[in-house]
Amino acid sequence: MNEILEDDTVITMYQACLLHSRADRALRLVVARQLEQFNVTMMEWLLMGVVQNGPKEGMTMSAVASALDVTLPQVTALTSNLTKLKLLKQKVSRQDRRSRRLVSTSAGKKLLENIEHEVNTAIREWVADIPREQLQTYLQTVEILANRKPGDSGTIKSN
């Protein structure tokens, strides 16, 4: 089955998925190249960002797992390394010692700030020739798709 785009280009779903995969790999490569200089993996960077942008009192491990769409054991492994590096710390609840919240350390905040600057610069250079409106539309579409579960209706809800 073919889909017609606005400019009358015919593209199959196979081609659309292939293009998406290629774009995703290219974006990840641009980011990974920047992360190498900080000795941080993509998932560690994403975890640090989620925690930094989470509630001031910190995030539970399960909330982080949900935000990253990964399992709790994956978050535990990532957290272990970041805690050893003193980029994150775990706050233990006084009411329930099993409950732990992740918070950024000052070193983690500073590293995240430096990473953000480098990644932002690299991505801006990478997409410099793409009109701003197209990038905004792309990011809006990616956000919609990221929040949609397989099987959800494709009906657009207006606010």
N, C-alpha and C. Protein backbone atom coordinates (compact mmCIF):
# COMPACT_ATOMS: atom_id res chain seq x y z
N MET A 1 0.84 -1.18 0.00
CA MET A 1 0.00 0.00 0.00
C MET A 1 0.88 1.25 0.00
N ASN A 2 0.57 2.20 -0.83
CA ASN A 2 1.34 3.43 -0.93
C ASN A 2 0.59 4.57 -0.26
N GLU A 3 1.34 5.50 0.23
CA GLU A 3 0.78 6.70 0.82
C GLU A 3 1.22 7.88 -0.03
N ILE A 4 0.36 8.82 -0.21
CA ILE A 4 0.68 10.03 -0.96
C ILE A 4 1.01 11.13 0.03
N LEU A 5 2.17 11.74 -0.12
CA LEU A 5 2.54 12.88 0.70
C LEU A 5 2.07 14.16 0.04
N GLU A 6 2.20 15.27 0.75
CA GLU A 6 1.70 16.54 0.23
C GLU A 6 2.25 16.90 -1.14
N ASP A 7 3.51 16.58 -1.39
CA ASP A 7 4.09 16.97 -2.67
C ASP A 7 3.90 15.88 -3.74
N ASP A 8 2.92 15.02 -3.55
CA ASP A 8 2.57 13.93 -4.48
C ASP A 8 3.63 12.85 -4.58
N THR A 9 4.56 12.82 -3.64
CA THR A 9 5.54 11.75 -3.60
C THR A 9 4.86 10.49 -3.11
N VAL A 10 5.13 9.38 -3.76
CA VAL A 10 4.57 8.11 -3.33
C VAL A 10 5.64 7.39 -2.51
N ILE A 11 5.25 6.98 -1.31
CA ILE A 11 6.19 6.28 -0.44
C ILE A 11 5.45 5.12 0.22
N THR A 12 6.09 3.97 0.25
CA THR A 12 5.49 2.80 0.89
C THR A 12 5.78 2.85 2.39
N MET A 13 5.03 2.10 3.16
CA MET A 13 5.29 2.03 4.60
C MET A 13 6.66 1.44 4.86
N TYR A 14 7.07 0.48 4.04
CA TYR A 14 8.42 -0.08 4.16
C TYR A 14 9.45 1.04 4.03
N GLN A 15 9.29 1.89 3.02
CA GLN A 15 10.24 2.98 2.80
C GLN A 15 10.19 3.98 3.96
N ALA A 16 9.01 4.27 4.45
CA ALA A 16 8.87 5.20 5.57
C ALA A 16 9.57 4.64 6.82
N CYS A 17 9.39 3.36 7.09
CA CYS A 17 10.04 2.73 8.25
C CYS A 17 11.55 2.70 8.08
N LEU A 18 11.99 2.42 6.88
CA LEU A 18 13.43 2.41 6.59
C LEU A 18 14.03 3.80 6.80
N LEU A 19 13.36 4.82 6.29
CA LEU A 19 13.85 6.19 6.48
C LEU A 19 13.90 6.56 7.96
N HIS A 20 12.86 6.18 8.69
CA HIS A 20 12.84 6.46 10.12
C HIS A 20 14.00 5.78 10.83
N SER A 21 14.25 4.52 10.50
CA SER A 21 15.35 3.78 11.12
C SER A 21 16.70 4.41 10.81
N ARG A 22 16.87 4.82 9.57
CA ARG A 22 18.13 5.45 9.18
C ARG A 22 18.32 6.78 9.91
N ALA A 23 17.26 7.56 10.01
CA ALA A 23 17.33 8.85 10.71
C ALA A 23 17.64 8.63 12.19
N ASP A 24 17.01 7.64 12.79
CA ASP A 24 17.24 7.34 14.21
C ASP A 24 18.70 6.93 14.44
N ARG A 25 19.22 6.05 13.58
CA ARG A 25 20.62 5.63 13.72
C ARG A 25 21.57 6.81 13.54
N ALA A 26 21.28 7.67 12.57
CA ALA A 26 22.15 8.83 12.34
C ALA A 26 22.13 9.77 13.54
N LEU A 27 20.96 10.03 14.08
CA LEU A 27 20.84 10.90 15.26
C LEU A 27 21.60 10.31 16.44
N ARG A 28 21.43 9.02 16.65
CA ARG A 28 22.13 8.36 17.75
C ARG A 28 23.64 8.44 17.57
N LEU A 29 24.10 8.34 16.34
CA LEU A 29 25.54 8.42 16.07
C LEU A 29 26.07 9.83 16.36
N VAL A 30 25.33 10.85 15.95
CA VAL A 30 25.73 12.23 16.24
C VAL A 30 25.84 12.42 17.75
N VAL A 31 24.87 11.94 18.50
CA VAL A 31 24.87 12.09 19.95
C VAL A 31 25.99 11.23 20.58
N ALA A 32 26.11 9.99 20.15
CA ALA A 32 27.11 9.08 20.72
C ALA A 32 28.53 9.63 20.56
N ARG A 33 28.79 10.25 19.44
CA ARG A 33 30.12 10.85 19.22
C ARG A 33 30.42 11.93 20.26
N GLN A 34 29.41 12.67 20.65
CA GLN A 34 29.61 13.70 21.67
C GLN A 34 29.75 13.08 23.06
N LEU A 35 28.98 12.03 23.31
CA LEU A 35 29.01 11.39 24.63
C LEU A 35 30.35 10.70 24.90
N GLU A 36 31.01 10.24 23.84
CA GLU A 36 32.30 9.55 24.01
C GLU A 36 33.30 10.37 24.80
N GLN A 37 33.35 11.67 24.53
CA GLN A 37 34.33 12.53 25.21
C GLN A 37 34.06 12.64 26.70
N PHE A 38 32.84 12.31 27.12
CA PHE A 38 32.48 12.37 28.53
C PHE A 38 32.47 10.99 29.18
N ASN A 39 32.75 9.97 28.39
CA ASN A 39 32.76 8.58 28.86
C ASN A 39 31.41 8.19 29.47
N VAL A 40 30.33 8.61 28.77
CA VAL A 40 28.97 8.33 29.20
C VAL A 40 28.23 7.67 28.05
N THR A 41 27.43 6.66 28.37
CA THR A 41 26.64 6.00 27.33
C THR A 41 25.35 6.78 27.08
N MET A 42 24.69 6.45 25.99
CA MET A 42 23.42 7.10 25.66
C MET A 42 22.41 6.89 26.79
N MET A 43 22.29 5.67 27.27
CA MET A 43 21.30 5.39 28.32
C MET A 43 21.65 6.09 29.64
N GLU A 44 22.93 6.17 29.96
CA GLU A 44 23.33 6.89 31.17
C GLU A 44 22.97 8.37 31.05
N TRP A 45 23.23 8.94 29.88
CA TRP A 45 22.89 10.35 29.65
C TRP A 45 21.39 10.59 29.76
N LEU A 46 20.61 9.69 29.14
CA LEU A 46 19.16 9.83 29.20
C LEU A 46 18.66 9.70 30.64
N LEU A 47 19.20 8.75 31.38
CA LEU A 47 18.80 8.56 32.77
C LEU A 47 19.13 9.81 33.59
N MET A 48 20.33 10.35 33.41
CA MET A 48 20.71 11.56 34.14
C MET A 48 19.77 12.71 33.81
N GLY A 49 19.40 12.84 32.54
CA GLY A 49 18.48 13.90 32.14
C GLY A 49 17.10 13.74 32.74
N VAL A 50 16.60 12.50 32.76
CA VAL A 50 15.28 12.23 33.33
C VAL A 50 15.28 12.59 34.82
N VAL A 51 16.31 12.19 35.53
CA VAL A 51 16.39 12.49 36.97
C VAL A 51 16.51 13.99 37.20
N GLN A 52 17.38 14.63 36.42
CA GLN A 52 17.59 16.08 36.57
C GLN A 52 16.30 16.87 36.33
N ASN A 53 15.50 16.42 35.36
CA ASN A 53 14.27 17.13 35.02
C ASN A 53 13.06 16.64 35.80
N GLY A 54 13.29 15.69 36.69
CA GLY A 54 12.20 15.14 37.50
C GLY A 54 11.92 16.00 38.72
N PRO A 55 11.12 15.48 39.64
CA PRO A 55 10.77 16.23 40.86
C PRO A 55 12.01 16.57 41.68
N LYS A 56 11.96 17.69 42.36
CA LYS A 56 13.10 18.16 43.16
C LYS A 56 13.51 17.14 44.23
N GLU A 57 12.53 16.44 44.77
CA GLU A 57 12.82 15.45 45.83
C GLU A 57 13.40 14.16 45.28
N GLY A 58 13.55 14.08 43.96
CA GLY A 58 14.12 12.89 43.33
C GLY A 58 13.05 12.02 42.69
N MET A 59 13.52 11.00 41.99
CA MET A 59 12.61 10.09 41.29
C MET A 59 12.81 8.67 41.78
N THR A 60 11.72 7.94 41.89
CA THR A 60 11.84 6.53 42.25
C THR A 60 12.43 5.79 41.06
N MET A 61 13.03 4.66 41.35
CA MET A 61 13.61 3.84 40.29
C MET A 61 12.53 3.41 39.30
N SER A 62 11.35 3.09 39.80
CA SER A 62 10.28 2.65 38.90
C SER A 62 9.80 3.81 38.02
N ALA A 63 9.80 5.03 38.53
CA ALA A 63 9.42 6.19 37.71
C ALA A 63 10.45 6.42 36.61
N VAL A 64 11.72 6.23 36.93
CA VAL A 64 12.77 6.38 35.93
C VAL A 64 12.63 5.29 34.87
N ALA A 65 12.38 4.06 35.30
CA ALA A 65 12.19 2.96 34.36
C ALA A 65 11.03 3.25 33.41
N SER A 66 9.96 3.77 33.95
CA SER A 66 8.80 4.10 33.14
C SER A 66 9.12 5.21 32.14
N ALA A 67 9.80 6.24 32.60
CA ALA A 67 10.15 7.37 31.73
C ALA A 67 11.07 6.95 30.59
N LEU A 68 11.97 6.00 30.87
CA LEU A 68 12.92 5.53 29.85
C LEU A 68 12.38 4.35 29.06
N ASP A 69 11.23 3.82 29.49
CA ASP A 69 10.62 2.65 28.85
C ASP A 69 11.58 1.45 28.86
N VAL A 70 12.18 1.22 30.05
CA VAL A 70 13.08 0.09 30.25
C VAL A 70 12.65 -0.64 31.53
N THR A 71 13.33 -1.75 31.81
CA THR A 71 12.99 -2.52 33.00
C THR A 71 13.70 -1.97 34.23
N LEU A 72 13.18 -2.31 35.39
CA LEU A 72 13.78 -1.90 36.66
C LEU A 72 15.22 -2.42 36.80
N PRO A 73 15.51 -3.68 36.44
CA PRO A 73 16.90 -4.14 36.52
C PRO A 73 17.85 -3.32 35.63
N GLN A 74 17.37 -2.84 34.48
CA GLN A 74 18.22 -1.99 33.64
C GLN A 74 18.53 -0.67 34.34
N VAL A 75 17.53 -0.09 34.98
CA VAL A 75 17.75 1.16 35.71
C VAL A 75 18.70 0.92 36.87
N THR A 76 18.55 -0.19 37.56
CA THR A 76 19.42 -0.52 38.68
C THR A 76 20.88 -0.61 38.22
N ALA A 77 21.13 -1.27 37.10
CA ALA A 77 22.49 -1.40 36.58
C ALA A 77 23.06 -0.03 36.18
N LEU A 78 22.27 0.76 35.49
CA LEU A 78 22.73 2.09 35.08
C LEU A 78 22.99 2.97 36.29
N THR A 79 22.11 2.91 37.25
CA THR A 79 22.22 3.73 38.45
C THR A 79 23.47 3.36 39.25
N SER A 80 23.77 2.08 39.29
CA SER A 80 24.93 1.61 40.04
C SER A 80 26.21 2.30 39.55
N ASN A 81 26.40 2.33 38.26
CA ASN A 81 27.60 2.96 37.70
C ASN A 81 27.59 4.47 37.94
N LEU A 82 26.46 5.12 37.72
CA LEU A 82 26.39 6.57 37.89
C LEU A 82 26.56 6.98 39.35
N THR A 83 26.13 6.11 40.27
CA THR A 83 26.31 6.36 41.70
C THR A 83 27.79 6.22 42.07
N LYS A 84 28.44 5.19 41.53
CA LYS A 84 29.88 5.00 41.78
C LYS A 84 30.68 6.20 41.30
N LEU A 85 30.25 6.77 40.18
CA LEU A 85 30.93 7.94 39.62
C LEU A 85 30.53 9.24 40.32
N LYS A 86 29.64 9.14 41.31
CA LYS A 86 29.13 10.28 42.09
C LYS A 86 28.41 11.32 41.22
N LEU A 87 27.72 10.81 40.18
CA LEU A 87 26.92 11.68 39.32
C LEU A 87 25.46 11.68 39.76
N LEU A 88 25.06 10.61 40.44
CA LEU A 88 23.73 10.48 41.04
C LEU A 88 23.91 9.96 42.45
N LYS A 89 22.91 10.21 43.29
CA LYS A 89 22.91 9.57 44.60
C LYS A 89 21.51 9.04 44.86
N GLN A 90 21.45 8.03 45.72
CA GLN A 90 20.17 7.45 46.08
C GLN A 90 19.81 7.92 47.49
N LYS A 91 18.64 8.51 47.58
CA LYS A 91 18.14 8.92 48.89
C LYS A 91 17.20 7.82 49.37
N VAL A 92 17.46 7.30 50.57
CA VAL A 92 16.64 6.25 51.14
C VAL A 92 15.54 6.89 51.97
N SER A 93 14.31 6.41 51.79
CA SER A 93 13.17 6.93 52.53
C SER A 93 13.28 6.55 54.01
N ARG A 94 12.97 7.49 54.87
CA ARG A 94 12.98 7.21 56.31
C ARG A 94 11.81 6.31 56.70
N GLN A 95 10.69 6.44 55.98
CA GLN A 95 9.51 5.64 56.28
C GLN A 95 9.65 4.20 55.77
N ASP A 96 10.27 4.05 54.61
CA ASP A 96 10.40 2.72 54.00
C ASP A 96 11.80 2.61 53.40
N ARG A 97 12.69 1.91 54.10
CA ARG A 97 14.08 1.82 53.67
C ARG A 97 14.24 1.14 52.31
N ARG A 98 13.20 0.44 51.85
CA ARG A 98 13.28 -0.18 50.52
C ARG A 98 13.06 0.85 49.43
N SER A 99 12.43 1.95 49.76
CA SER A 99 12.13 3.00 48.80
C SER A 99 13.33 3.93 48.63
N ARG A 100 13.76 4.08 47.39
CA ARG A 100 14.91 4.94 47.10
C ARG A 100 14.53 5.92 46.00
N ARG A 101 15.03 7.13 46.15
CA ARG A 101 14.83 8.17 45.13
C ARG A 101 16.19 8.57 44.58
N LEU A 102 16.23 8.72 43.28
CA LEU A 102 17.46 9.16 42.63
C LEU A 102 17.46 10.67 42.51
N VAL A 103 18.59 11.27 42.85
CA VAL A 103 18.77 12.71 42.70
C VAL A 103 20.14 12.96 42.07
N SER A 104 20.24 14.06 41.36
CA SER A 104 21.52 14.45 40.75
C SER A 104 22.44 15.04 41.80
N THR A 105 23.72 14.77 41.66
CA THR A 105 24.71 15.44 42.50
C THR A 105 25.15 16.71 41.77
N SER A 106 25.91 17.55 42.45
CA SER A 106 26.40 18.76 41.77
C SER A 106 27.32 18.38 40.62
N ALA A 107 28.12 17.33 40.78
CA ALA A 107 28.99 16.86 39.69
C ALA A 107 28.15 16.35 38.52
N GLY A 108 27.05 15.66 38.83
CA GLY A 108 26.16 15.16 37.79
C GLY A 108 25.48 16.28 37.04
N LYS A 109 25.06 17.30 37.77
CA LYS A 109 24.41 18.47 37.14
C LYS A 109 25.38 19.19 36.21
N LYS A 110 26.62 19.36 36.67
CA LYS A 110 27.63 20.05 35.86
C LYS A 110 27.96 19.23 34.61
N LEU A 111 28.12 17.92 34.78
CA LEU A 111 28.41 17.07 33.62
C LEU A 111 27.26 17.13 32.63
N LEU A 112 26.04 17.04 33.11
CA LEU A 112 24.88 17.08 32.24
C LEU A 112 24.81 18.41 31.48
N GLU A 113 25.14 19.49 32.15
CA GLU A 113 25.17 20.80 31.50
C GLU A 113 26.20 20.83 30.36
N ASN A 114 27.38 20.28 30.62
CA ASN A 114 28.43 20.23 29.60
C ASN A 114 28.04 19.33 28.43
N ILE A 115 27.45 18.20 28.74
CA ILE A 115 27.00 17.28 27.68
C ILE A 115 25.93 17.96 26.84
N GLU A 116 24.96 18.58 27.49
CA GLU A 116 23.88 19.26 26.76
C GLU A 116 24.43 20.29 25.79
N HIS A 117 25.42 21.05 26.24
CA HIS A 117 26.01 22.06 25.37
C HIS A 117 26.64 21.42 24.13
N GLU A 118 27.42 20.37 24.33
CA GLU A 118 28.11 19.71 23.21
C GLU A 118 27.13 19.02 22.27
N VAL A 119 26.15 18.32 22.83
CA VAL A 119 25.15 17.63 21.99
C VAL A 119 24.31 18.65 21.23
N ASN A 120 23.90 19.70 21.90
CA ASN A 120 23.11 20.75 21.26
C ASN A 120 23.87 21.36 20.08
N THR A 121 25.15 21.66 20.29
CA THR A 121 25.96 22.23 19.23
C THR A 121 26.07 21.27 18.05
N ALA A 122 26.34 20.01 18.34
CA ALA A 122 26.51 19.01 17.27
C ALA A 122 25.21 18.81 16.48
N ILE A 123 24.09 18.75 17.17
CA ILE A 123 22.81 18.54 16.47
C ILE A 123 22.44 19.78 15.66
N ARG A 124 22.68 20.96 16.22
CA ARG A 124 22.40 22.19 15.46
C ARG A 124 23.20 22.22 14.16
N GLU A 125 24.46 21.82 14.22
CA GLU A 125 25.28 21.76 13.00
C GLU A 125 24.73 20.72 12.03
N TRP A 126 24.31 19.59 12.57
CA TRP A 126 23.82 18.48 11.75
C TRP A 126 22.55 18.85 11.00
N VAL A 127 21.67 19.63 11.62
CA VAL A 127 20.38 19.97 11.01
C VAL A 127 20.32 21.42 10.52
N ALA A 128 21.45 22.07 10.42
CA ALA A 128 21.49 23.50 10.08
C ALA A 128 20.79 23.83 8.77
N ASP A 129 20.77 22.92 7.81
CA ASP A 129 20.16 23.21 6.51
C ASP A 129 18.67 22.87 6.44
N ILE A 130 18.10 22.42 7.54
CA ILE A 130 16.67 22.07 7.56
C ILE A 130 15.90 23.25 8.13
N PRO A 131 14.86 23.72 7.43
CA PRO A 131 14.08 24.86 7.93
C PRO A 131 13.52 24.59 9.33
N ARG A 132 13.56 25.62 10.15
CA ARG A 132 13.11 25.54 11.55
C ARG A 132 11.69 24.98 11.67
N GLU A 133 10.79 25.41 10.79
CA GLU A 133 9.40 24.95 10.83
C GLU A 133 9.32 23.43 10.63
N GLN A 134 10.14 22.91 9.72
CA GLN A 134 10.15 21.46 9.49
C GLN A 134 10.66 20.73 10.73
N LEU A 135 11.67 21.26 11.37
CA LEU A 135 12.18 20.63 12.59
C LEU A 135 11.14 20.65 13.70
N GLN A 136 10.44 21.77 13.84
CA GLN A 136 9.41 21.87 14.87
C GLN A 136 8.29 20.87 14.61
N THR A 137 7.86 20.74 13.36
CA THR A 137 6.82 19.78 13.01
C THR A 137 7.31 18.35 13.27
N TYR A 138 8.55 18.07 12.91
CA TYR A 138 9.13 16.75 13.14
C TYR A 138 9.12 16.42 14.64
N LEU A 139 9.58 17.35 15.47
CA LEU A 139 9.63 17.10 16.91
C LEU A 139 8.23 16.94 17.51
N GLN A 140 7.27 17.70 17.01
CA GLN A 140 5.89 17.55 17.48
C GLN A 140 5.36 16.16 17.12
N THR A 141 5.66 15.71 15.92
CA THR A 141 5.21 14.39 15.48
C THR A 141 5.88 13.28 16.29
N VAL A 142 7.17 13.41 16.53
CA VAL A 142 7.90 12.41 17.32
C VAL A 142 7.32 12.34 18.73
N GLU A 143 6.99 13.49 19.30
CA GLU A 143 6.40 13.51 20.65
C GLU A 143 5.07 12.78 20.67
N ILE A 144 4.23 13.02 19.68
CA ILE A 144 2.94 12.33 19.60
C ILE A 144 3.15 10.82 19.51
N LEU A 145 4.04 10.41 18.63
CA LEU A 145 4.28 8.97 18.43
C LEU A 145 4.92 8.33 19.66
N ALA A 146 5.80 9.06 20.34
CA ALA A 146 6.45 8.52 21.53
C ALA A 146 5.46 8.29 22.66
N ASN A 147 4.41 9.10 22.70
CA ASN A 147 3.40 8.96 23.75
C ASN A 147 2.27 8.02 23.37
N ARG A 148 2.29 7.51 22.17
CA ARG A 148 1.23 6.62 21.69
C ARG A 148 1.69 5.17 21.83
N LYS A 149 0.82 4.35 22.35
CA LYS A 149 1.10 2.92 22.47
C LYS A 149 0.58 2.19 21.23
N PRO A 150 1.24 1.09 20.85
CA PRO A 150 0.72 0.32 19.71
C PRO A 150 -0.75 -0.06 19.98
N GLY A 151 -1.56 0.14 18.99
CA GLY A 151 -2.99 -0.18 19.12
C GLY A 151 -3.83 1.02 19.49
N ASP A 152 -3.20 2.12 19.95
CA ASP A 152 -3.97 3.33 20.25
C ASP A 152 -4.56 3.88 18.96
N SER A 153 -5.65 4.56 19.10
CA SER A 153 -6.30 5.21 17.96
C SER A 153 -5.44 6.31 17.41
N GLY A 154 -5.49 6.50 16.10
CA GLY A 154 -4.75 7.57 15.47
C GLY A 154 -5.51 8.86 15.41
N THR A 155 -6.60 8.96 16.16
CA THR A 155 -7.40 10.17 16.17
C THR A 155 -6.66 11.26 16.93
N ILE A 156 -6.50 12.40 16.31
CA ILE A 156 -5.83 13.52 16.95
C ILE A 156 -6.81 14.20 17.88
N LYS A 157 -6.37 14.38 19.12
CA LYS A 157 -7.20 15.04 20.13
C LYS A 157 -6.77 16.50 20.22
N SER A 158 -7.71 17.40 20.15
CA SER A 158 -7.40 18.81 20.28
C SER A 158 -7.50 19.21 21.74
N ASN A 159 -6.68 20.18 22.10
CA ASN A 159 -6.67 20.66 23.50
C ASN A 159 -7.69 21.72 23.71
